Amino acid sequence: MTRTEALSWQQSMIDRGSERRQNPDFLASLGVSSATLAGGLAGAESSESAATEASTDKPKSTAKVLALRAGKTLVSPGGLIYLPVSVTEQSGFAVYLGRTLGEAGLEEGTELLTVELAEEFSLEEFDLPADTQWQGVRQLAAELSIAESQYLIEANAILNWHRVHTHCPRCGSPTEVIASGWVRRCPQDGSEHFPRTDPAIIVAVVGKGGKLLLGGGAGWEEHRYSTLAGFVEPGESLEQAVLREIAEEVGVRIQSVQYLGSQAWPFPASLMLGFIAFTDDEVAKPDGVEVVRARWFSKAELLSAVNSGEVIISHRVSIARALIEHWYGERIEDVPQR
């Protein structure tokens, strides 16, 4: 039987340039608006140099911007749409994502940034395809390349952090942004604050006869099923979290656990740590709160249920889908919804 890779996105498709982005003049060198820099998102110490840089003659920037609005980005049938760096004049802030290592609609080596656009921002000045739409990661799941997925996930994650971490957690003072958008510093006490990531386990539970246990969450469509997941608590190991979450959600005792891989999931700031776990229990009892239904599937049963439309499994861009297909042994084709 052909075994698929548990995770197909392990290779990085972008060089995040952790050293480059520390330079206080780096965003200005990419053509980011001096007004944006002076607004504090590049750091107060770079404002004067940014304005000077912007006033001198220099070649037009080739940097591109992946713009987001309420978690969605611009897309056409040709793929993601990247805007010129001039959009930073209107955005209010910009964050450096990195230098592309794969094309994905861009030349390899393109410097890529992201911005948050207001709902009322007009795109009329940009020559966009007539069929351009705003779409989110879940809507684009079946269409994005590995590189595009990485760009969009990174952009969502860093902008989500900026959106909710605007003040110092120590003294409450508004923070200023430095390191090209990757650090927030308190001007009062000098403390520096970095993007946070919350670890969460996600598990493919395999029982007797090799059957897979899938569950349905509260608020989901009644025929949607996925792997089980939960956040790691303070002072808890990943393996302990697997045993606790599975016992809490479906009342199943786990005998052994194997780590498979991880995926960043920016809703809002999770790192999903994927496991396959084995149990001898045959009865699953949903807790009725987080999991409202649970069902065991043989490989033939799952394929039949998916093909008939009886069951919808997680979308392809997610680690949940990768775990399901790892257990199944090969790709499971999606069935168009009626």
C-alpha atoms as a PDB file:
ATOM      1  CA  MET A   1       0.000   0.000   0.000  1.00  0.00           C
ATOM      2  CA  THR A   2       1.263   3.469  -0.845  1.00  0.00           C
ATOM      3  CA  ARG A   3       1.896   5.608   2.223  1.00  0.00           C
ATOM      4  CA  THR A   4       1.458   9.341   1.831  1.00  0.00           C
ATOM      5  CA  GLU A   5       3.593  11.874   3.646  1.00  0.00           C
ATOM      6  CA  ALA A   6       1.904  12.808   6.916  1.00  0.00           C
ATOM      7  CA  LEU A   7       2.542  16.461   6.156  1.00  0.00           C
ATOM      8  CA  SER A   8       3.280  17.786   2.687  1.00  0.00           C
ATOM      9  CA  TRP A   9       4.243  21.307   3.820  1.00  0.00           C
ATOM     10  CA  GLN A  10       7.357  20.519   5.894  1.00  0.00           C
ATOM     11  CA  GLN A  11       9.703  22.261   3.446  1.00  0.00           C
ATOM     12  CA  SER A  12       9.804  26.013   3.997  1.00  0.00           C
ATOM     13  CA  MET A  13       8.959  28.059   0.899  1.00  0.00           C
ATOM     14  CA  ILE A  14      10.024  31.415   2.342  1.00  0.00           C
ATOM     15  CA  ASP A  15      13.213  32.780   3.921  1.00  0.00           C
ATOM     16  CA  ARG A  16      11.933  34.866   6.833  1.00  0.00           C
ATOM     17  CA  GLY A  17      15.198  36.839   7.054  1.00  0.00           C
ATOM     18  CA  SER A  18      15.396  37.108  10.829  1.00  0.00           C
ATOM     19  CA  GLU A  19      18.690  39.018  10.540  1.00  0.00           C
ATOM     20  CA  ARG A  20      17.579  41.317   7.711  1.00  0.00           C
ATOM     21  CA  ARG A  21      14.380  42.353   9.441  1.00  0.00           C
ATOM     22  CA  GLN A  22      16.293  43.574  12.531  1.00  0.00           C
ATOM     23  CA  ASN A  23      17.699  46.509  10.537  1.00  0.00           C
ATOM     24  CA  PRO A  24      15.587  49.574  11.439  1.00  0.00           C
ATOM     25  CA  ASP A  25      15.914  50.829   7.846  1.00  0.00           C
ATOM     26  CA  PHE A  26      14.984  47.553   6.184  1.00  0.00           C
ATOM     27  CA  LEU A  27      11.336  48.303   5.418  1.00  0.00           C
ATOM     28  CA  ALA A  28      12.292  51.693   4.021  1.00  0.00           C
ATOM     29  CA  SER A  29      14.796  49.976   1.708  1.00  0.00           C
ATOM     30  CA  LEU A  30      11.910  47.929   0.292  1.00  0.00           C
ATOM     31  CA  GLY A  31       9.932  51.079  -0.501  1.00  0.00           C
ATOM     32  CA  VAL A  32       7.521  51.056   2.415  1.00  0.00           C
ATOM     33  CA  SER A  33       5.796  54.408   2.796  1.00  0.00           C
ATOM     34  CA  SER A  34       7.590  56.873   5.102  1.00  0.00           C
ATOM     35  CA  ALA A  35       4.194  57.767   6.561  1.00  0.00           C
ATOM     36  CA  THR A  36       3.722  54.141   7.572  1.00  0.00           C
ATOM     37  CA  LEU A  37       7.181  54.020   9.117  1.00  0.00           C
ATOM     38  CA  ALA A  38       6.639  57.273  10.987  1.00  0.00           C
ATOM     39  CA  GLY A  39       3.421  55.839  12.343  1.00  0.00           C
ATOM     40  CA  GLY A  40       5.436  53.542  14.567  1.00  0.00           C
ATOM     41  CA  LEU A  41       5.183  50.166  12.893  1.00  0.00           C
ATOM     42  CA  ALA A  42       8.843  50.093  11.940  1.00  0.00           C
ATOM     43  CA  GLY A  43      10.006  51.403  15.298  1.00  0.00           C
ATOM     44  CA  ALA A  44      10.431  54.960  16.456  1.00  0.00           C
ATOM     45  CA  GLU A  45      14.169  54.905  15.900  1.00  0.00           C
ATOM     46  CA  SER A  46      13.720  54.299  12.168  1.00  0.00           C
ATOM     47  CA  SER A  47      11.250  57.111  11.424  1.00  0.00           C
ATOM     48  CA  GLU A  48      13.769  59.807  10.608  1.00  0.00           C
ATOM     49  CA  SER A  49      15.976  57.554   8.481  1.00  0.00           C
ATOM     50  CA  ALA A  50      12.908  56.182   6.688  1.00  0.00           C
ATOM     51  CA  ALA A  51      11.725  59.645   5.726  1.00  0.00           C
ATOM     52  CA  THR A  52      15.207  60.517   4.437  1.00  0.00           C
ATOM     53  CA  GLU A  53      15.372  57.263   2.496  1.00  0.00           C
ATOM     54  CA  ALA A  54      11.967  57.878   0.925  1.00  0.00           C
ATOM     55  CA  SER A  55      12.957  61.346  -0.223  1.00  0.00           C
ATOM     56  CA  THR A  56      15.988  60.223  -2.236  1.00  0.00           C
ATOM     57  CA  ASP A  57      15.903  58.924  -5.793  1.00  0.00           C
ATOM     58  CA  LYS A  58      16.098  55.161  -5.943  1.00  0.00           C
ATOM     59  CA  PRO A  59      14.899  52.360  -8.238  1.00  0.00           C
ATOM     60  CA  LYS A  60      11.248  51.404  -7.972  1.00  0.00           C
ATOM     61  CA  SER A  61      10.801  48.660  -5.403  1.00  0.00           C
ATOM     62  CA  THR A  62      10.118  45.143  -6.682  1.00  0.00           C
ATOM     63  CA  ALA A  63       8.775  44.037  -3.298  1.00  0.00           C
ATOM     64  CA  LYS A  64       5.224  42.698  -3.282  1.00  0.00           C
ATOM     65  CA  VAL A  65       2.462  42.867  -0.706  1.00  0.00           C
ATOM     66  CA  LEU A  66      -0.002  40.165   0.309  1.00  0.00           C
ATOM     67  CA  ALA A  67      -2.901  42.275   1.531  1.00  0.00           C
ATOM     68  CA  LEU A  68      -5.428  41.003   4.068  1.00  0.00           C
ATOM     69  CA  ARG A  69      -8.816  42.323   5.078  1.00  0.00           C
ATOM     70  CA  ALA A  70     -10.601  40.636   7.974  1.00  0.00           C
ATOM     71  CA  GLY A  71      -8.478  37.525   7.451  1.00  0.00           C
ATOM     72  CA  LYS A  72      -9.181  37.293   3.710  1.00  0.00           C
ATOM     73  CA  THR A  73      -6.893  38.015   0.775  1.00  0.00           C
ATOM     74  CA  LEU A  74      -7.319  38.933  -2.876  1.00  0.00           C
ATOM     75  CA  VAL A  75      -7.531  36.051  -5.310  1.00  0.00           C
ATOM     76  CA  SER A  76      -8.448  35.411  -8.931  1.00  0.00           C
ATOM     77  CA  PRO A  77      -8.616  32.143 -10.890  1.00  0.00           C
ATOM     78  CA  GLY A  78      -4.892  32.637 -11.541  1.00  0.00           C
ATOM     79  CA  GLY A  79      -4.037  32.436  -7.838  1.00  0.00           C
ATOM     80  CA  LEU A  80      -3.219  34.886  -5.079  1.00  0.00           C
ATOM     81  CA  ILE A  81      -2.952  38.539  -6.070  1.00  0.00           C
ATOM     82  CA  TYR A  82       0.048  40.510  -4.843  1.00  0.00           C
ATOM     83  CA  LEU A  83      -0.125  44.296  -4.695  1.00  0.00           C
ATOM     84  CA  PRO A  84       2.730  46.761  -5.281  1.00  0.00           C
ATOM     85  CA  VAL A  85       4.493  48.122  -2.205  1.00  0.00           C
ATOM     86  CA  SER A  86       2.796  51.476  -2.778  1.00  0.00           C
ATOM     87  CA  VAL A  87      -0.286  50.039  -1.018  1.00  0.00           C
ATOM     88  CA  THR A  88       1.556  50.644   2.268  1.00  0.00           C
ATOM     89  CA  GLU A  89       0.836  54.352   1.816  1.00  0.00           C
ATOM     90  CA  GLN A  90      -2.776  53.634   2.720  1.00  0.00           C
ATOM     91  CA  SER A  91      -2.535  50.571   4.943  1.00  0.00           C
ATOM     92  CA  GLY A  92      -1.236  52.129   8.158  1.00  0.00           C
ATOM     93  CA  PHE A  93       1.267  49.343   8.837  1.00  0.00           C
ATOM     94  CA  ALA A  94       3.375  46.737   7.086  1.00  0.00           C
ATOM     95  CA  VAL A  95       5.111  43.556   8.218  1.00  0.00           C
ATOM     96  CA  TYR A  96       7.941  41.756   6.437  1.00  0.00           C
ATOM     97  CA  LEU A  97       7.119  38.120   5.636  1.00  0.00           C
ATOM     98  CA  GLY A  98      10.349  37.101   3.922  1.00  0.00           C
ATOM     99  CA  ARG A  99      12.050  36.313   0.627  1.00  0.00           C
ATOM    100  CA  THR A 100      10.281  33.746  -1.538  1.00  0.00           C
ATOM    101  CA  LEU A 101      12.025  30.429  -2.225  1.00  0.00           C
ATOM    102  CA  GLY A 102       9.421  29.123  -4.660  1.00  0.00           C
ATOM    103  CA  GLU A 103       7.549  30.954  -7.388  1.00  0.00           C
ATOM    104  CA  ALA A 104       3.840  30.643  -6.475  1.00  0.00           C
ATOM    105  CA  GLY A 105       2.972  33.527  -8.774  1.00  0.00           C
ATOM    106  CA  LEU A 106       6.105  35.460  -7.812  1.00  0.00           C
ATOM    107  CA  GLU A 107       9.680  35.333  -9.035  1.00  0.00           C
ATOM    108  CA  GLU A 108      11.903  33.376  -6.677  1.00  0.00           C
ATOM    109  CA  GLY A 109      13.712  35.814  -4.382  1.00  0.00           C
ATOM    110  CA  THR A 110      10.862  38.337  -4.235  1.00  0.00           C
ATOM    111  CA  GLU A 111      10.680  40.301  -0.987  1.00  0.00           C
ATOM    112  CA  LEU A 112       7.169  39.808   0.390  1.00  0.00           C
ATOM    113  CA  LEU A 113       5.299  41.931   2.929  1.00  0.00           C
ATOM    114  CA  THR A 114       1.812  41.905   4.347  1.00  0.00           C
ATOM    115  CA  VAL A 115      -0.597  44.690   5.330  1.00  0.00           C
ATOM    116  CA  GLU A 116      -4.030  44.931   6.895  1.00  0.00           C
ATOM    117  CA  LEU A 117      -6.483  46.945   4.803  1.00  0.00           C
ATOM    118  CA  ALA A 118      -9.565  48.633   6.177  1.00  0.00           C
ATOM    119  CA  GLU A 119     -12.992  47.568   4.903  1.00  0.00           C
ATOM    120  CA  GLU A 120     -13.447  50.920   3.171  1.00  0.00           C
ATOM    121  CA  PHE A 121     -10.067  50.860   1.410  1.00  0.00           C
ATOM    122  CA  SER A 122     -10.469  51.288  -2.343  1.00  0.00           C
ATOM    123  CA  LEU A 123      -8.552  49.098  -4.785  1.00  0.00           C
ATOM    124  CA  GLU A 124      -9.567  51.126  -7.826  1.00  0.00           C
ATOM    125  CA  GLU A 125      -6.028  52.440  -8.414  1.00  0.00           C
ATOM    126  CA  PHE A 126      -4.738  48.899  -8.905  1.00  0.00           C
ATOM    127  CA  ASP A 127      -5.250  47.113 -12.208  1.00  0.00           C
ATOM    128  CA  LEU A 128      -6.887  43.964 -10.858  1.00  0.00           C
ATOM    129  CA  PRO A 129      -8.658  41.216 -12.824  1.00  0.00           C
ATOM    130  CA  ALA A 130     -12.407  41.727 -13.084  1.00  0.00           C
ATOM    131  CA  ASP A 131     -13.079  38.459 -11.236  1.00  0.00           C
ATOM    132  CA  THR A 132     -10.940  39.351  -8.199  1.00  0.00           C
ATOM    133  CA  GLN A 133     -12.480  38.295  -4.863  1.00  0.00           C
ATOM    134  CA  TRP A 134     -11.661  38.406  -1.162  1.00  0.00           C
ATOM    135  CA  GLN A 135     -11.331  34.844   0.157  1.00  0.00           C
ATOM    136  CA  GLY A 136      -9.981  33.161   3.292  1.00  0.00           C
ATOM    137  CA  VAL A 137      -7.722  30.169   3.879  1.00  0.00           C
ATOM    138  CA  ARG A 138     -10.598  27.720   4.265  1.00  0.00           C
ATOM    139  CA  GLN A 139     -12.273  28.895   1.047  1.00  0.00           C
ATOM    140  CA  LEU A 140      -9.001  28.558  -0.837  1.00  0.00           C
ATOM    141  CA  ALA A 141      -8.012  25.208   0.650  1.00  0.00           C
ATOM    142  CA  ALA A 142      -8.338  23.179  -2.532  1.00  0.00           C
ATOM    143  CA  GLU A 143      -6.697  25.793  -4.756  1.00  0.00           C
ATOM    144  CA  LEU A 144      -3.585  27.007  -2.934  1.00  0.00           C
ATOM    145  CA  SER A 145      -0.100  25.691  -3.629  1.00  0.00           C
ATOM    146  CA  ILE A 146       2.121  24.759  -0.693  1.00  0.00           C
ATOM    147  CA  ALA A 147       3.997  28.053  -1.050  1.00  0.00           C
ATOM    148  CA  GLU A 148       0.813  30.143  -1.241  1.00  0.00           C
ATOM    149  CA  SER A 149      -0.561  28.388   1.841  1.00  0.00           C
ATOM    150  CA  GLN A 150       2.584  29.242   3.771  1.00  0.00           C
ATOM    151  CA  TYR A 151       2.483  32.901   2.753  1.00  0.00           C
ATOM    152  CA  LEU A 152      -1.174  33.275   3.712  1.00  0.00           C
ATOM    153  CA  ILE A 153      -0.876  31.398   7.010  1.00  0.00           C
ATOM    154  CA  GLU A 154       2.168  33.452   8.045  1.00  0.00           C
ATOM    155  CA  ALA A 155       0.433  36.720   7.118  1.00  0.00           C
ATOM    156  CA  ASN A 156      -2.712  35.809   9.066  1.00  0.00           C
ATOM    157  CA  ALA A 157      -0.730  34.725  12.110  1.00  0.00           C
ATOM    158  CA  ILE A 158       1.405  37.856  12.445  1.00  0.00           C
ATOM    159  CA  LEU A 159      -1.445  40.268  11.721  1.00  0.00           C
ATOM    160  CA  ASN A 160      -3.712  38.478  14.201  1.00  0.00           C
ATOM    161  CA  TRP A 161      -1.029  38.996  16.854  1.00  0.00           C
ATOM    162  CA  HIS A 162      -0.696  42.697  16.096  1.00  0.00           C
ATOM    163  CA  ARG A 163      -4.453  43.105  16.217  1.00  0.00           C
ATOM    164  CA  VAL A 164      -4.775  41.908  19.819  1.00  0.00           C
ATOM    165  CA  HIS A 165      -1.397  42.797  21.352  1.00  0.00           C
ATOM    166  CA  THR A 166      -1.317  46.563  21.015  1.00  0.00           C
ATOM    167  CA  HIS A 167      -0.447  47.366  24.649  1.00  0.00           C
ATOM    168  CA  CYS A 168       2.244  46.326  27.099  1.00  0.00           C
ATOM    169  CA  PRO A 169       0.995  43.471  29.326  1.00  0.00           C
ATOM    170  CA  ARG A 170       3.101  44.845  32.196  1.00  0.00           C
ATOM    171  CA  CYS A 171       2.047  48.479  32.380  1.00  0.00           C
ATOM    172  CA  GLY A 172      -0.676  48.912  29.756  1.00  0.00           C
ATOM    173  CA  SER A 173       1.217  51.450  27.655  1.00  0.00           C
ATOM    174  CA  PRO A 174       0.732  51.401  23.855  1.00  0.00           C
ATOM    175  CA  THR A 175       3.664  49.580  22.288  1.00  0.00           C
ATOM    176  CA  GLU A 176       5.724  50.536  19.237  1.00  0.00           C
ATOM    177  CA  VAL A 177       6.583  48.021  16.538  1.00  0.00           C
ATOM    178  CA  ILE A 178      10.191  47.237  15.625  1.00  0.00           C
ATOM    179  CA  ALA A 179      12.141  44.551  13.728  1.00  0.00           C
ATOM    180  CA  SER A 180      10.045  45.026  10.560  1.00  0.00           C
ATOM    181  CA  GLY A 181       6.890  44.033  12.384  1.00  0.00           C
ATOM    182  CA  TRP A 182       8.144  41.091  14.456  1.00  0.00           C
ATOM    183  CA  VAL A 183       8.596  42.699  17.875  1.00  0.00           C
ATOM    184  CA  ARG A 184       6.533  45.144  19.933  1.00  0.00           C
ATOM    185  CA  ARG A 185       8.430  47.264  22.452  1.00  0.00           C
ATOM    186  CA  CYS A 186       7.067  49.201  25.410  1.00  0.00           C
ATOM    187  CA  PRO A 187       8.417  52.779  25.382  1.00  0.00           C
ATOM    188  CA  GLN A 188       7.829  53.066  29.134  1.00  0.00           C
ATOM    189  CA  ASP A 189       9.697  50.070  30.572  1.00  0.00           C
ATOM    190  CA  GLY A 190      11.669  48.950  27.513  1.00  0.00           C
ATOM    191  CA  SER A 191      10.242  45.412  27.575  1.00  0.00           C
ATOM    192  CA  GLU A 192      10.019  43.584  24.242  1.00  0.00           C
ATOM    193  CA  HIS A 193       7.129  41.337  23.296  1.00  0.00           C
ATOM    194  CA  PHE A 194       7.147  38.683  20.596  1.00  0.00           C
ATOM    195  CA  PRO A 195       4.422  36.922  18.597  1.00  0.00           C
ATOM    196  CA  ARG A 196       2.877  34.140  20.636  1.00  0.00           C
ATOM    197  CA  THR A 197       1.981  30.672  19.496  1.00  0.00           C
ATOM    198  CA  ASP A 198      -0.371  28.361  21.394  1.00  0.00           C
ATOM    199  CA  PRO A 199       0.442  24.627  21.166  1.00  0.00           C
ATOM    200  CA  ALA A 200      -2.477  22.318  20.422  1.00  0.00           C
ATOM    201  CA  ILE A 201      -2.510  18.575  19.855  1.00  0.00           C
ATOM    202  CA  ILE A 202      -4.525  16.993  17.037  1.00  0.00           C
ATOM    203  CA  VAL A 203      -4.932  13.253  16.948  1.00  0.00           C
ATOM    204  CA  ALA A 204      -5.896  10.439  14.608  1.00  0.00           C
ATOM    205  CA  VAL A 205      -7.230   7.802  17.056  1.00  0.00           C
ATOM    206  CA  VAL A 206      -6.977   4.243  15.725  1.00  0.00           C
ATOM    207  CA  GLY A 207      -8.833   1.396  17.425  1.00  0.00           C
ATOM    208  CA  LYS A 208      -9.374  -2.325  16.991  1.00  0.00           C
ATOM    209  CA  GLY A 209      -9.330  -3.566  13.436  1.00  0.00           C
ATOM    210  CA  GLY A 210      -7.486  -0.428  12.381  1.00  0.00           C
ATOM    211  CA  LYS A 211     -10.644   1.706  12.495  1.00  0.00           C
ATOM    212  CA  LEU A 212     -10.330   5.488  12.726  1.00  0.00           C
ATOM    213  CA  LEU A 213     -12.295   7.516  15.270  1.00  0.00           C
ATOM    214  CA  LEU A 214     -13.612  10.850  13.992  1.00  0.00           C
ATOM    215  CA  GLY A 215     -15.769  13.390  15.771  1.00  0.00           C
ATOM    216  CA  GLY A 216     -18.111  16.237  15.011  1.00  0.00           C
ATOM    217  CA  GLY A 217     -17.891  19.539  16.856  1.00  0.00           C
ATOM    218  CA  ALA A 218     -20.678  21.661  18.233  1.00  0.00           C
ATOM    219  CA  GLY A 219     -21.812  24.152  15.612  1.00  0.00           C
ATOM    220  CA  TRP A 220     -20.567  22.063  12.669  1.00  0.00           C
ATOM    221  CA  GLU A 221     -22.760  20.687   9.921  1.00  0.00           C
ATOM    222  CA  GLU A 222     -24.179  17.362  11.125  1.00  0.00           C
ATOM    223  CA  HIS A 223     -22.309  15.367   8.495  1.00  0.00           C
ATOM    224  CA  ARG A 224     -18.851  16.955   9.024  1.00  0.00           C
ATOM    225  CA  TYR A 225     -16.232  14.838  10.809  1.00  0.00           C
ATOM    226  CA  SER A 226     -12.620  15.422  11.713  1.00  0.00           C
ATOM    227  CA  THR A 227      -9.809  14.291  13.993  1.00  0.00           C
ATOM    228  CA  LEU A 228      -9.852  15.242  17.672  1.00  0.00           C
ATOM    229  CA  ALA A 229      -7.881  18.186  19.042  1.00  0.00           C
ATOM    230  CA  GLY A 230      -7.309  20.415  22.050  1.00  0.00           C
ATOM    231  CA  PHE A 231      -4.911  22.927  23.585  1.00  0.00           C
ATOM    232  CA  VAL A 232      -1.923  21.938  25.699  1.00  0.00           C
ATOM    233  CA  GLU A 233      -2.278  23.205  29.264  1.00  0.00           C
ATOM    234  CA  PRO A 234       0.508  24.805  31.358  1.00  0.00           C
ATOM    235  CA  GLY A 235       2.845  22.227  32.881  1.00  0.00           C
ATOM    236  CA  GLU A 236       1.594  19.480  30.550  1.00  0.00           C
ATOM    237  CA  SER A 237       3.609  17.451  28.046  1.00  0.00           C
ATOM    238  CA  LEU A 238       2.280  16.866  24.539  1.00  0.00           C
ATOM    239  CA  GLU A 239       1.700  13.184  25.262  1.00  0.00           C
ATOM    240  CA  GLN A 240      -0.167  14.001  28.469  1.00  0.00           C
ATOM    241  CA  ALA A 241      -2.327  16.437  26.523  1.00  0.00           C
ATOM    242  CA  VAL A 242      -3.194  13.718  23.989  1.00  0.00           C
ATOM    243  CA  LEU A 243      -4.308  11.297  26.703  1.00  0.00           C
ATOM    244  CA  ARG A 244      -6.283  13.959  28.591  1.00  0.00           C
ATOM    245  CA  GLU A 245      -8.057  15.494  25.604  1.00  0.00           C
ATOM    246  CA  ILE A 246      -9.116  12.170  24.081  1.00  0.00           C
ATOM    247  CA  ALA A 247     -10.404  10.948  27.451  1.00  0.00           C
ATOM    248  CA  GLU A 248     -12.289  14.210  28.053  1.00  0.00           C
ATOM    249  CA  GLU A 249     -13.823  14.540  24.600  1.00  0.00           C
ATOM    250  CA  VAL A 250     -14.787  10.952  23.760  1.00  0.00           C
ATOM    251  CA  GLY A 251     -14.037   8.857  26.868  1.00  0.00           C
ATOM    252  CA  VAL A 252     -11.401   6.743  25.126  1.00  0.00           C
ATOM    253  CA  ARG A 253      -8.217   5.544  26.870  1.00  0.00           C
ATOM    254  CA  ILE A 254      -5.047   5.768  24.770  1.00  0.00           C
ATOM    255  CA  GLN A 255      -2.385   3.037  25.013  1.00  0.00           C
ATOM    256  CA  SER A 256       0.339   4.494  22.772  1.00  0.00           C
ATOM    257  CA  VAL A 257       1.093   7.744  20.970  1.00  0.00           C
ATOM    258  CA  GLN A 258       3.299   8.569  17.974  1.00  0.00           C
ATOM    259  CA  TYR A 259       4.180  12.091  16.829  1.00  0.00           C
ATOM    260  CA  LEU A 260       3.846  12.716  13.070  1.00  0.00           C
ATOM    261  CA  GLY A 261       4.344  16.427  12.377  1.00  0.00           C
ATOM    262  CA  SER A 262       3.013  19.937  12.856  1.00  0.00           C
ATOM    263  CA  GLN A 263       1.263  22.810  11.116  1.00  0.00           C
ATOM    264  CA  ALA A 264       0.896  26.468  11.983  1.00  0.00           C
ATOM    265  CA  TRP A 265      -2.788  27.389  12.115  1.00  0.00           C
ATOM    266  CA  PRO A 266      -3.410  31.105  12.597  1.00  0.00           C
ATOM    267  CA  PHE A 267      -6.961  31.018  13.974  1.00  0.00           C
ATOM    268  CA  PRO A 268      -5.881  32.830  15.962  1.00  0.00           C
ATOM    269  CA  ALA A 269      -2.357  31.630  16.856  1.00  0.00           C
ATOM    270  CA  SER A 270      -2.110  27.852  17.103  1.00  0.00           C
ATOM    271  CA  LEU A 271       0.660  25.394  16.349  1.00  0.00           C
ATOM    272  CA  MET A 272      -1.089  22.102  15.624  1.00  0.00           C
ATOM    273  CA  LEU A 273       1.025  19.122  16.732  1.00  0.00           C
ATOM    274  CA  GLY A 274      -0.153  15.996  14.953  1.00  0.00           C
ATOM    275  CA  PHE A 275      -0.227  12.504  16.486  1.00  0.00           C
ATOM    276  CA  ILE A 276      -1.517   9.055  15.726  1.00  0.00           C
ATOM    277  CA  ALA A 277      -2.729   7.279  18.861  1.00  0.00           C
ATOM    278  CA  PHE A 278      -3.880   3.723  19.471  1.00  0.00           C
ATOM    279  CA  THR A 279      -6.567   2.363  21.782  1.00  0.00           C
ATOM    280  CA  ASP A 280      -8.232  -0.941  22.626  1.00  0.00           C
ATOM    281  CA  ASP A 281     -11.491   0.780  23.565  1.00  0.00           C
ATOM    282  CA  GLU A 282     -14.395   0.215  21.192  1.00  0.00           C
ATOM    283  CA  VAL A 283     -16.976   2.639  22.588  1.00  0.00           C
ATOM    284  CA  ALA A 284     -16.640   6.402  22.193  1.00  0.00           C
ATOM    285  CA  LYS A 285     -18.839   8.708  24.282  1.00  0.00           C
ATOM    286  CA  PRO A 286     -18.843  12.354  23.109  1.00  0.00           C
ATOM    287  CA  ASP A 287     -18.756  14.906  25.916  1.00  0.00           C
ATOM    288  CA  GLY A 288     -21.680  16.752  24.313  1.00  0.00           C
ATOM    289  CA  VAL A 289     -19.902  20.081  24.609  1.00  0.00           C
ATOM    290  CA  GLU A 290     -16.847  20.143  22.372  1.00  0.00           C
ATOM    291  CA  VAL A 291     -17.657  16.880  20.577  1.00  0.00           C
ATOM    292  CA  VAL A 292     -21.324  16.090  19.915  1.00  0.00           C
ATOM    293  CA  ARG A 293     -20.904  12.915  17.857  1.00  0.00           C
ATOM    294  CA  ALA A 294     -18.203  10.307  17.352  1.00  0.00           C
ATOM    295  CA  ARG A 295     -17.964   7.459  14.892  1.00  0.00           C
ATOM    296  CA  TRP A 296     -15.548   4.656  14.023  1.00  0.00           C
ATOM    297  CA  PHE A 297     -14.703   4.149  10.336  1.00  0.00           C
ATOM    298  CA  SER A 298     -12.960   1.359   8.508  1.00  0.00           C
ATOM    299  CA  LYS A 299     -11.131   2.523   5.386  1.00  0.00           C
ATOM    300  CA  ALA A 300     -13.885   1.180   3.135  1.00  0.00           C
ATOM    301  CA  GLU A 301     -16.592   2.782   5.288  1.00  0.00           C
ATOM    302  CA  LEU A 302     -14.938   6.190   5.272  1.00  0.00           C
ATOM    303  CA  LEU A 303     -14.357   6.178   1.522  1.00  0.00           C
ATOM    304  CA  SER A 304     -17.941   5.130   0.855  1.00  0.00           C
ATOM    305  CA  ALA A 305     -19.314   7.787   3.211  1.00  0.00           C
ATOM    306  CA  VAL A 306     -17.200  10.524   1.617  1.00  0.00           C
ATOM    307  CA  ASN A 307     -18.083   9.460  -1.938  1.00  0.00           C
ATOM    308  CA  SER A 308     -21.799   9.366  -1.161  1.00  0.00           C
ATOM    309  CA  GLY A 309     -21.763  12.766   0.531  1.00  0.00           C
ATOM    310  CA  GLU A 310     -22.860  11.214   3.822  1.00  0.00           C
ATOM    311  CA  VAL A 311     -19.673  12.513   5.447  1.00  0.00           C
ATOM    312  CA  ILE A 312     -17.488  15.566   4.815  1.00  0.00           C
ATOM    313  CA  ILE A 313     -13.958  15.395   6.173  1.00  0.00           C
ATOM    314  CA  SER A 314     -11.518  18.225   6.873  1.00  0.00           C
ATOM    315  CA  HIS A 315     -10.362  20.362   3.964  1.00  0.00           C
ATOM    316  CA  ARG A 316      -7.108  19.560   2.231  1.00  0.00           C
ATOM    317  CA  VAL A 317      -5.014  22.461   3.528  1.00  0.00           C
ATOM    318  CA  SER A 318      -5.423  21.275   7.140  1.00  0.00           C
ATOM    319  CA  ILE A 319      -3.261  18.914   9.173  1.00  0.00           C
ATOM    320  CA  ALA A 320      -6.468  17.069  10.100  1.00  0.00           C
ATOM    321  CA  ARG A 321      -6.870  16.004   6.469  1.00  0.00           C
ATOM    322  CA  ALA A 322      -3.210  14.979   6.328  1.00  0.00           C
ATOM    323  CA  LEU A 323      -3.644  12.789   9.414  1.00  0.00           C
ATOM    324  CA  ILE A 324      -6.753  11.138   7.967  1.00  0.00           C
ATOM    325  CA  GLU A 325      -4.996  10.414   4.673  1.00  0.00           C
ATOM    326  CA  HIS A 326      -1.910   9.159   6.520  1.00  0.00           C
ATOM    327  CA  TRP A 327      -4.122   6.590   8.245  1.00  0.00           C
ATOM    328  CA  TYR A 328      -5.958   5.776   5.013  1.00  0.00           C
ATOM    329  CA  GLY A 329      -2.690   5.262   3.123  1.00  0.00           C
ATOM    330  CA  GLU A 330      -3.374   7.435   0.094  1.00  0.00           C
ATOM    331  CA  ARG A 331      -5.164  10.547  -1.086  1.00  0.00           C
ATOM    332  CA  ILE A 332      -8.927  10.745  -0.605  1.00  0.00           C
ATOM    333  CA  GLU A 333     -10.539  12.730  -3.395  1.00  0.00           C
ATOM    334  CA  ASP A 334     -13.066  15.396  -2.515  1.00  0.00           C
ATOM    335  CA  VAL A 335     -16.603  15.039  -3.804  1.00  0.00           C
ATOM    336  CA  PRO A 336     -18.265  18.253  -5.085  1.00  0.00           C
ATOM    337  CA  GLN A 337     -21.016  19.330  -2.714  1.00  0.00           C
ATOM    338  CA  ARG A 338     -24.538  19.415  -4.076  1.00  0.00           C
END
